[in-house]
N, C-alpha and C. Protein backbone atom coordinates (compact mmCIF):
# COMPACT_ATOMS: atom_id res chain seq x y z
N UNK A 1 -45.93 -27.86 30.94
CA UNK A 1 -47.29 -27.37 30.82
C UNK A 1 -48.14 -28.41 30.10
N UNK A 2 -49.32 -28.63 30.64
CA UNK A 2 -50.26 -29.52 29.96
C UNK A 2 -50.97 -28.77 28.84
N UNK A 3 -51.23 -27.48 29.07
CA UNK A 3 -51.90 -26.64 28.08
C UNK A 3 -50.84 -25.88 27.29
N UNK A 4 -50.69 -26.20 26.02
CA UNK A 4 -49.66 -25.58 25.17
C UNK A 4 -49.85 -24.07 25.06
N UNK A 5 -51.09 -23.61 24.97
CA UNK A 5 -51.36 -22.18 24.89
C UNK A 5 -50.90 -21.45 26.15
N UNK A 6 -51.11 -22.07 27.30
CA UNK A 6 -50.66 -21.48 28.56
C UNK A 6 -49.13 -21.39 28.58
N UNK A 7 -48.48 -22.40 28.06
CA UNK A 7 -47.01 -22.38 27.99
C UNK A 7 -46.53 -21.18 27.19
N UNK A 8 -47.13 -20.95 26.02
CA UNK A 8 -46.72 -19.81 25.18
C UNK A 8 -47.04 -18.48 25.84
N UNK A 9 -48.19 -18.41 26.56
CA UNK A 9 -48.51 -17.17 27.29
C UNK A 9 -47.44 -16.89 28.34
N UNK A 10 -46.97 -17.95 29.03
CA UNK A 10 -45.93 -17.77 30.04
C UNK A 10 -44.61 -17.32 29.40
N UNK A 11 -44.30 -17.86 28.24
CA UNK A 11 -43.09 -17.44 27.52
C UNK A 11 -43.19 -15.96 27.16
N UNK A 12 -44.33 -15.55 26.61
CA UNK A 12 -44.53 -14.15 26.24
C UNK A 12 -44.41 -13.25 27.47
N UNK A 13 -45.03 -13.64 28.58
CA UNK A 13 -44.93 -12.84 29.81
C UNK A 13 -43.49 -12.72 30.28
N UNK A 14 -42.74 -13.81 30.19
CA UNK A 14 -41.33 -13.77 30.59
C UNK A 14 -40.52 -12.82 29.73
N UNK A 15 -40.78 -12.86 28.42
CA UNK A 15 -40.07 -11.96 27.50
C UNK A 15 -40.46 -10.51 27.79
N UNK A 16 -41.75 -10.26 27.98
CA UNK A 16 -42.19 -8.90 28.29
C UNK A 16 -41.53 -8.39 29.57
N UNK A 17 -41.45 -9.24 30.59
CA UNK A 17 -40.83 -8.83 31.85
C UNK A 17 -39.35 -8.52 31.64
N UNK A 18 -38.67 -9.35 30.85
CA UNK A 18 -37.24 -9.11 30.59
C UNK A 18 -37.04 -7.81 29.84
N UNK A 19 -37.89 -7.52 28.86
CA UNK A 19 -37.78 -6.28 28.09
C UNK A 19 -38.02 -5.08 29.00
N UNK A 20 -39.05 -5.15 29.84
CA UNK A 20 -39.32 -4.04 30.76
C UNK A 20 -38.15 -3.81 31.69
N UNK A 21 -37.55 -4.89 32.17
CA UNK A 21 -36.43 -4.75 33.10
C UNK A 21 -35.22 -4.11 32.44
N UNK A 22 -34.96 -4.46 31.18
CA UNK A 22 -33.78 -3.91 30.51
C UNK A 22 -34.00 -2.51 29.97
N UNK A 23 -35.25 -2.12 29.75
CA UNK A 23 -35.51 -0.79 29.20
C UNK A 23 -36.01 0.20 30.24
N UNK A 24 -36.29 -0.28 31.45
CA UNK A 24 -36.76 0.62 32.51
C UNK A 24 -35.64 1.53 32.95
N UNK A 25 -35.95 2.79 33.29
CA UNK A 25 -34.91 3.69 33.80
C UNK A 25 -34.30 3.11 35.08
N UNK A 26 -33.01 3.21 35.19
CA UNK A 26 -32.32 2.70 36.38
C UNK A 26 -32.59 3.59 37.58
N UNK A 27 -32.63 2.97 38.75
CA UNK A 27 -32.76 3.75 39.98
C UNK A 27 -31.44 4.45 40.23
N UNK A 28 -31.44 5.41 41.14
CA UNK A 28 -30.21 6.16 41.44
C UNK A 28 -29.11 5.21 41.93
N UNK A 29 -29.46 4.24 42.77
CA UNK A 29 -28.42 3.33 43.27
C UNK A 29 -27.89 2.44 42.16
N UNK A 30 -28.76 2.00 41.23
CA UNK A 30 -28.29 1.20 40.09
C UNK A 30 -27.38 2.02 39.20
N UNK A 31 -27.73 3.29 38.98
CA UNK A 31 -26.89 4.15 38.15
C UNK A 31 -25.52 4.33 38.78
N UNK A 32 -25.47 4.54 40.09
CA UNK A 32 -24.19 4.73 40.77
C UNK A 32 -23.35 3.47 40.73
N UNK A 33 -23.96 2.29 40.89
CA UNK A 33 -23.17 1.07 40.95
C UNK A 33 -22.67 0.64 39.59
N UNK A 34 -23.32 1.07 38.51
CA UNK A 34 -22.91 0.63 37.18
C UNK A 34 -22.29 1.74 36.34
N UNK A 35 -22.19 2.93 36.87
CA UNK A 35 -21.74 4.06 36.06
C UNK A 35 -20.39 3.81 35.41
N UNK A 36 -19.40 3.39 36.18
CA UNK A 36 -18.09 3.15 35.60
C UNK A 36 -18.05 1.90 34.75
N UNK A 37 -18.76 0.88 35.17
CA UNK A 37 -18.71 -0.40 34.50
C UNK A 37 -19.30 -0.35 33.10
N UNK A 38 -20.44 0.27 32.91
CA UNK A 38 -21.08 0.26 31.60
C UNK A 38 -20.23 0.99 30.56
N UNK A 39 -19.43 1.93 30.96
CA UNK A 39 -18.59 2.66 30.01
C UNK A 39 -17.46 1.78 29.50
N UNK A 40 -17.11 0.74 30.24
CA UNK A 40 -15.96 -0.09 29.86
C UNK A 40 -16.36 -1.34 29.08
N UNK A 41 -17.63 -1.64 28.94
CA UNK A 41 -18.04 -2.90 28.34
C UNK A 41 -18.25 -2.80 26.84
N UNK A 42 -17.91 -1.72 26.21
CA UNK A 42 -18.04 -1.58 24.78
C UNK A 42 -19.11 -0.57 24.40
N UNK A 43 -19.94 -0.21 25.36
CA UNK A 43 -20.95 0.84 25.16
C UNK A 43 -21.77 0.65 23.90
N UNK A 44 -21.95 -0.57 23.45
CA UNK A 44 -22.81 -0.82 22.31
C UNK A 44 -22.13 -0.70 20.96
N UNK A 45 -20.81 -0.55 20.91
CA UNK A 45 -20.09 -0.49 19.65
C UNK A 45 -19.68 -1.90 19.22
N UNK A 46 -19.59 -2.11 17.91
CA UNK A 46 -19.11 -3.39 17.40
C UNK A 46 -18.53 -3.18 16.00
N UNK A 47 -17.75 -4.16 15.56
CA UNK A 47 -17.15 -4.11 14.22
C UNK A 47 -17.96 -4.98 13.27
N UNK A 48 -18.17 -4.47 12.07
CA UNK A 48 -18.80 -5.22 10.99
C UNK A 48 -17.80 -5.30 9.85
N UNK A 49 -17.85 -6.37 9.08
CA UNK A 49 -16.97 -6.43 7.92
C UNK A 49 -17.61 -7.22 6.80
N UNK A 50 -17.10 -6.97 5.62
CA UNK A 50 -17.43 -7.75 4.44
C UNK A 50 -16.11 -8.00 3.72
N UNK A 51 -16.03 -9.14 3.07
CA UNK A 51 -14.83 -9.44 2.29
C UNK A 51 -15.27 -10.08 0.99
N UNK A 52 -14.49 -9.84 -0.05
CA UNK A 52 -14.82 -10.43 -1.34
C UNK A 52 -13.55 -10.58 -2.16
N UNK A 53 -13.60 -11.53 -3.09
CA UNK A 53 -12.47 -11.84 -3.94
C UNK A 53 -12.72 -11.28 -5.34
N UNK A 54 -11.73 -10.53 -5.85
CA UNK A 54 -11.82 -10.03 -7.23
C UNK A 54 -10.76 -10.76 -8.06
N UNK A 55 -11.16 -11.80 -8.80
CA UNK A 55 -10.18 -12.60 -9.55
C UNK A 55 -9.30 -11.78 -10.48
N UNK A 56 -9.87 -10.74 -11.11
CA UNK A 56 -9.10 -9.95 -12.08
C UNK A 56 -8.00 -9.11 -11.43
N UNK A 57 -8.03 -8.94 -10.11
CA UNK A 57 -7.04 -8.13 -9.41
C UNK A 57 -5.94 -8.96 -8.75
N UNK A 58 -6.06 -10.28 -8.79
CA UNK A 58 -5.13 -11.13 -8.04
C UNK A 58 -3.67 -10.97 -8.46
N UNK A 59 -3.42 -10.91 -9.74
CA UNK A 59 -2.03 -10.75 -10.20
C UNK A 59 -1.44 -9.44 -9.68
N UNK A 60 -2.21 -8.36 -9.79
CA UNK A 60 -1.75 -7.06 -9.29
C UNK A 60 -1.47 -7.13 -7.78
N UNK A 61 -2.38 -7.74 -7.01
CA UNK A 61 -2.20 -7.83 -5.56
C UNK A 61 -0.97 -8.68 -5.21
N UNK A 62 -0.77 -9.77 -5.93
CA UNK A 62 0.40 -10.64 -5.66
C UNK A 62 1.70 -9.91 -5.95
N UNK A 63 1.72 -9.14 -7.01
CA UNK A 63 2.92 -8.37 -7.33
C UNK A 63 3.17 -7.29 -6.28
N UNK A 64 2.12 -6.63 -5.84
CA UNK A 64 2.25 -5.56 -4.86
C UNK A 64 2.74 -6.07 -3.51
N UNK A 65 2.23 -7.23 -3.10
CA UNK A 65 2.55 -7.72 -1.75
C UNK A 65 3.68 -8.75 -1.73
N UNK A 66 3.94 -9.39 -2.86
CA UNK A 66 4.93 -10.45 -2.89
C UNK A 66 4.41 -11.75 -2.28
N UNK A 67 3.13 -11.83 -2.00
CA UNK A 67 2.51 -13.02 -1.41
C UNK A 67 1.71 -13.73 -2.49
N UNK A 68 2.02 -14.99 -2.74
CA UNK A 68 1.38 -15.73 -3.83
C UNK A 68 0.13 -16.49 -3.38
N UNK A 69 -0.73 -15.80 -2.66
CA UNK A 69 -2.01 -16.34 -2.22
C UNK A 69 -3.12 -15.42 -2.70
N UNK A 70 -4.36 -15.91 -2.64
CA UNK A 70 -5.50 -15.05 -2.97
C UNK A 70 -5.55 -13.88 -1.99
N UNK A 71 -5.87 -12.72 -2.51
CA UNK A 71 -6.02 -11.51 -1.69
C UNK A 71 -7.47 -11.05 -1.75
N UNK A 72 -8.06 -10.90 -0.59
CA UNK A 72 -9.45 -10.47 -0.49
C UNK A 72 -9.52 -8.99 -0.15
N UNK A 73 -10.46 -8.32 -0.78
CA UNK A 73 -10.77 -6.95 -0.36
C UNK A 73 -11.57 -7.08 0.93
N UNK A 74 -11.17 -6.33 1.93
CA UNK A 74 -11.97 -6.29 3.16
C UNK A 74 -12.42 -4.86 3.40
N UNK A 75 -13.62 -4.72 3.92
CA UNK A 75 -14.17 -3.44 4.33
C UNK A 75 -14.66 -3.62 5.75
N UNK A 76 -14.15 -2.81 6.65
CA UNK A 76 -14.52 -2.90 8.06
C UNK A 76 -15.08 -1.56 8.49
N UNK A 77 -16.18 -1.59 9.24
CA UNK A 77 -16.76 -0.37 9.79
C UNK A 77 -17.06 -0.59 11.26
N UNK A 78 -17.15 0.52 11.97
CA UNK A 78 -17.62 0.50 13.36
C UNK A 78 -19.09 0.83 13.33
N UNK A 79 -19.86 0.08 14.07
CA UNK A 79 -21.29 0.35 14.15
C UNK A 79 -21.68 0.38 15.61
N UNK A 80 -22.93 0.73 15.88
CA UNK A 80 -23.39 0.85 17.26
C UNK A 80 -24.84 0.43 17.36
N UNK A 81 -25.19 -0.09 18.53
CA UNK A 81 -26.58 -0.47 18.77
C UNK A 81 -27.51 0.72 18.55
N UNK A 82 -27.05 1.90 18.92
CA UNK A 82 -27.79 3.13 18.72
C UNK A 82 -26.93 4.02 17.83
N UNK A 83 -27.33 4.24 16.57
CA UNK A 83 -26.50 4.96 15.60
C UNK A 83 -25.98 6.31 16.09
N UNK A 84 -26.73 7.00 16.93
CA UNK A 84 -26.27 8.31 17.40
C UNK A 84 -25.00 8.20 18.24
N UNK A 85 -24.70 7.01 18.76
CA UNK A 85 -23.45 6.82 19.51
C UNK A 85 -22.22 7.07 18.63
N UNK A 86 -22.36 6.84 17.33
CA UNK A 86 -21.23 7.04 16.43
C UNK A 86 -20.76 8.49 16.44
N UNK A 87 -21.66 9.41 16.75
CA UNK A 87 -21.29 10.83 16.78
C UNK A 87 -20.31 11.15 17.90
N UNK A 88 -20.22 10.28 18.90
CA UNK A 88 -19.30 10.53 20.02
C UNK A 88 -17.88 10.07 19.73
N UNK A 89 -17.68 9.37 18.61
CA UNK A 89 -16.35 8.83 18.29
C UNK A 89 -15.46 9.92 17.72
N UNK A 90 -14.27 10.01 18.26
CA UNK A 90 -13.26 10.94 17.75
C UNK A 90 -12.47 10.30 16.62
N UNK A 91 -12.02 9.05 16.86
CA UNK A 91 -11.26 8.33 15.84
C UNK A 91 -11.23 6.84 16.19
N UNK A 92 -10.86 6.04 15.20
CA UNK A 92 -10.67 4.60 15.38
C UNK A 92 -9.25 4.28 14.95
N UNK A 93 -8.56 3.49 15.75
CA UNK A 93 -7.25 2.98 15.35
C UNK A 93 -7.37 1.48 15.13
N UNK A 94 -7.30 1.08 13.86
CA UNK A 94 -7.34 -0.33 13.51
C UNK A 94 -5.93 -0.90 13.56
N UNK A 95 -5.77 -2.07 14.12
CA UNK A 95 -4.49 -2.76 14.12
C UNK A 95 -4.65 -4.04 13.34
N UNK A 96 -3.91 -4.11 12.23
CA UNK A 96 -3.96 -5.28 11.36
C UNK A 96 -3.04 -6.37 11.88
N UNK A 97 -3.09 -7.52 11.26
CA UNK A 97 -2.27 -8.67 11.63
C UNK A 97 -0.78 -8.32 11.61
N UNK A 98 0.01 -8.93 12.49
CA UNK A 98 1.46 -8.66 12.50
C UNK A 98 2.17 -8.98 11.19
N UNK A 99 1.54 -9.75 10.29
CA UNK A 99 2.16 -10.04 9.00
C UNK A 99 2.24 -8.80 8.11
N UNK A 100 1.45 -7.77 8.40
CA UNK A 100 1.52 -6.53 7.63
C UNK A 100 2.81 -5.80 7.98
N UNK A 101 3.38 -5.09 7.01
CA UNK A 101 4.57 -4.29 7.33
C UNK A 101 4.24 -3.29 8.45
N UNK A 102 5.18 -3.07 9.33
CA UNK A 102 4.95 -2.24 10.51
C UNK A 102 4.45 -0.84 10.18
N UNK A 103 4.93 -0.28 9.07
CA UNK A 103 4.55 1.10 8.75
C UNK A 103 3.09 1.23 8.29
N UNK A 104 2.40 0.12 7.99
CA UNK A 104 0.98 0.20 7.60
C UNK A 104 0.08 -0.61 8.53
N UNK A 105 0.64 -1.18 9.58
CA UNK A 105 -0.13 -2.07 10.45
C UNK A 105 -1.22 -1.36 11.22
N UNK A 106 -0.99 -0.12 11.64
CA UNK A 106 -2.00 0.64 12.38
C UNK A 106 -2.57 1.70 11.46
N UNK A 107 -3.90 1.72 11.33
CA UNK A 107 -4.58 2.70 10.48
C UNK A 107 -5.54 3.51 11.33
N UNK A 108 -5.60 4.78 11.08
CA UNK A 108 -6.53 5.64 11.81
C UNK A 108 -7.64 6.10 10.87
N UNK A 109 -8.88 5.97 11.35
CA UNK A 109 -10.04 6.41 10.58
C UNK A 109 -10.77 7.48 11.38
N UNK A 110 -11.16 8.55 10.70
CA UNK A 110 -11.84 9.67 11.37
C UNK A 110 -13.17 10.06 10.71
N UNK A 111 -13.55 9.37 9.65
CA UNK A 111 -14.71 9.79 8.86
C UNK A 111 -16.00 9.15 9.37
N UNK A 112 -16.78 9.89 10.11
CA UNK A 112 -18.05 9.41 10.66
C UNK A 112 -19.03 9.04 9.56
N UNK A 113 -19.01 9.78 8.44
CA UNK A 113 -19.96 9.50 7.35
C UNK A 113 -19.84 8.07 6.84
N UNK A 114 -18.63 7.53 6.81
CA UNK A 114 -18.41 6.16 6.30
C UNK A 114 -18.36 5.14 7.42
N UNK A 115 -18.75 5.53 8.62
CA UNK A 115 -18.67 4.66 9.81
C UNK A 115 -17.23 4.23 10.06
N UNK A 116 -16.30 5.15 9.79
CA UNK A 116 -14.89 4.92 10.08
C UNK A 116 -14.35 3.73 9.27
N UNK A 117 -14.62 3.75 7.98
CA UNK A 117 -14.30 2.67 7.07
C UNK A 117 -12.80 2.38 6.98
N UNK A 118 -12.47 1.11 7.05
CA UNK A 118 -11.12 0.62 6.75
C UNK A 118 -11.23 -0.21 5.49
N UNK A 119 -10.42 0.11 4.47
CA UNK A 119 -10.36 -0.66 3.24
C UNK A 119 -8.96 -1.25 3.14
N UNK A 120 -8.87 -2.55 2.89
CA UNK A 120 -7.57 -3.20 2.84
C UNK A 120 -7.69 -4.48 2.03
N UNK A 121 -6.55 -5.08 1.70
CA UNK A 121 -6.55 -6.42 1.13
C UNK A 121 -5.89 -7.33 2.16
N UNK A 122 -6.31 -8.59 2.16
CA UNK A 122 -5.79 -9.53 3.14
C UNK A 122 -6.03 -10.95 2.65
N UNK A 123 -5.41 -11.90 3.36
CA UNK A 123 -5.68 -13.31 3.10
C UNK A 123 -5.52 -14.09 4.40
N UNK A 124 -6.00 -15.31 4.40
CA UNK A 124 -5.88 -16.15 5.59
C UNK A 124 -6.92 -15.82 6.64
N UNK A 125 -6.50 -15.89 7.88
CA UNK A 125 -7.41 -15.57 8.97
C UNK A 125 -6.62 -14.93 10.10
N UNK A 126 -7.25 -13.96 10.75
CA UNK A 126 -6.62 -13.29 11.87
C UNK A 126 -7.65 -12.45 12.61
N UNK A 127 -7.22 -11.91 13.74
CA UNK A 127 -8.08 -11.05 14.54
C UNK A 127 -7.72 -9.60 14.23
N UNK A 128 -8.69 -8.86 13.75
CA UNK A 128 -8.53 -7.42 13.53
C UNK A 128 -8.91 -6.73 14.84
N UNK A 129 -8.09 -5.81 15.27
CA UNK A 129 -8.36 -5.09 16.51
C UNK A 129 -8.62 -3.62 16.21
N UNK A 130 -9.48 -3.02 17.03
CA UNK A 130 -9.79 -1.61 16.85
C UNK A 130 -9.89 -0.95 18.21
N UNK A 131 -9.29 0.23 18.32
CA UNK A 131 -9.46 1.06 19.51
C UNK A 131 -10.39 2.19 19.13
N UNK A 132 -11.47 2.34 19.89
CA UNK A 132 -12.46 3.38 19.64
C UNK A 132 -12.22 4.49 20.65
N UNK A 133 -11.83 5.64 20.14
CA UNK A 133 -11.56 6.80 21.00
C UNK A 133 -12.79 7.69 21.03
N UNK A 134 -13.37 7.84 22.22
CA UNK A 134 -14.57 8.63 22.43
C UNK A 134 -14.17 10.01 22.94
N UNK A 135 -14.78 11.05 22.39
CA UNK A 135 -14.49 12.41 22.86
C UNK A 135 -14.71 12.52 24.36
N UNK A 136 -13.73 13.07 25.06
CA UNK A 136 -13.86 13.30 26.49
C UNK A 136 -13.60 12.09 27.36
N UNK A 137 -13.32 10.93 26.77
CA UNK A 137 -13.04 9.72 27.56
C UNK A 137 -11.53 9.48 27.58
N UNK A 138 -10.97 9.20 28.74
CA UNK A 138 -9.52 9.02 28.82
C UNK A 138 -9.04 7.67 28.26
N UNK A 139 -9.91 6.68 28.21
CA UNK A 139 -9.50 5.33 27.80
C UNK A 139 -10.30 4.90 26.57
N UNK A 140 -9.62 4.28 25.61
CA UNK A 140 -10.27 3.80 24.39
C UNK A 140 -11.02 2.50 24.69
N UNK A 141 -12.07 2.26 23.93
CA UNK A 141 -12.79 0.99 23.96
C UNK A 141 -12.11 0.08 22.95
N UNK A 142 -11.84 -1.15 23.34
CA UNK A 142 -11.15 -2.07 22.45
C UNK A 142 -12.12 -3.10 21.90
N UNK A 143 -12.12 -3.24 20.57
CA UNK A 143 -12.99 -4.19 19.88
C UNK A 143 -12.14 -5.15 19.06
N UNK A 144 -12.69 -6.33 18.79
CA UNK A 144 -12.00 -7.31 17.95
C UNK A 144 -13.00 -7.93 16.99
N UNK A 145 -12.48 -8.36 15.83
CA UNK A 145 -13.31 -9.05 14.84
C UNK A 145 -12.44 -10.12 14.20
N UNK A 146 -12.91 -11.34 14.24
CA UNK A 146 -12.17 -12.45 13.63
C UNK A 146 -12.49 -12.49 12.14
N UNK A 147 -11.47 -12.46 11.31
CA UNK A 147 -11.64 -12.50 9.86
C UNK A 147 -11.15 -13.83 9.31
N UNK A 148 -11.96 -14.46 8.49
CA UNK A 148 -11.57 -15.68 7.79
C UNK A 148 -11.70 -15.39 6.31
N UNK A 149 -10.58 -15.45 5.61
CA UNK A 149 -10.55 -15.07 4.20
C UNK A 149 -10.03 -16.24 3.37
N UNK A 150 -10.95 -17.11 2.99
CA UNK A 150 -10.62 -18.29 2.19
C UNK A 150 -11.56 -18.38 1.00
N UNK A 151 -11.31 -19.28 0.10
CA UNK A 151 -12.10 -19.46 -1.12
C UNK A 151 -13.57 -19.75 -0.87
N UNK A 152 -13.95 -20.08 0.33
CA UNK A 152 -15.35 -20.37 0.61
C UNK A 152 -16.21 -19.11 0.62
N UNK A 153 -15.58 -17.93 0.59
CA UNK A 153 -16.31 -16.68 0.61
C UNK A 153 -16.84 -16.27 -0.75
N UNK A 154 -17.53 -15.13 -0.82
CA UNK A 154 -18.13 -14.70 -2.10
C UNK A 154 -17.09 -14.19 -3.09
N UNK A 155 -17.41 -14.32 -4.36
CA UNK A 155 -16.56 -13.81 -5.44
C UNK A 155 -17.36 -12.83 -6.28
N UNK A 156 -16.71 -11.77 -6.72
CA UNK A 156 -17.34 -10.84 -7.66
C UNK A 156 -16.95 -11.27 -9.07
N UNK A 157 -17.87 -11.16 -10.02
CA UNK A 157 -17.56 -11.57 -11.41
C UNK A 157 -16.51 -10.67 -12.04
């Protein structure tokens, strides 16, 4: 574009068109062709997490786990693009890294108020997996979150 203002107007028009296209009600044929597919793509659910290091708890964590590395507190929740979607969740099954003892590797969360909170200690890096079970749906939605737990993260005093 020779005229910079015209270029920005075209950008705005393009964005407006894209927004209208994604928010417009689907036609009957579009609904039929995507009905099964949209239910399998995650339906707007995702995992969020925070991790932090508590220096005063490290000795206790090392004794409890037998692992002589820093242990981070992790908090994981399920969230959704549209918060009301959380009401459709029956339960979440979190699967921790295979390094966890088998009897604690899978955790089930059912508390909608806490966004199905998982609290754990961990170190290193791994992929946390979660199965989201929706009421009335035969198949769970599978989510993943990569966790990196090293000294570069935040510390609590």
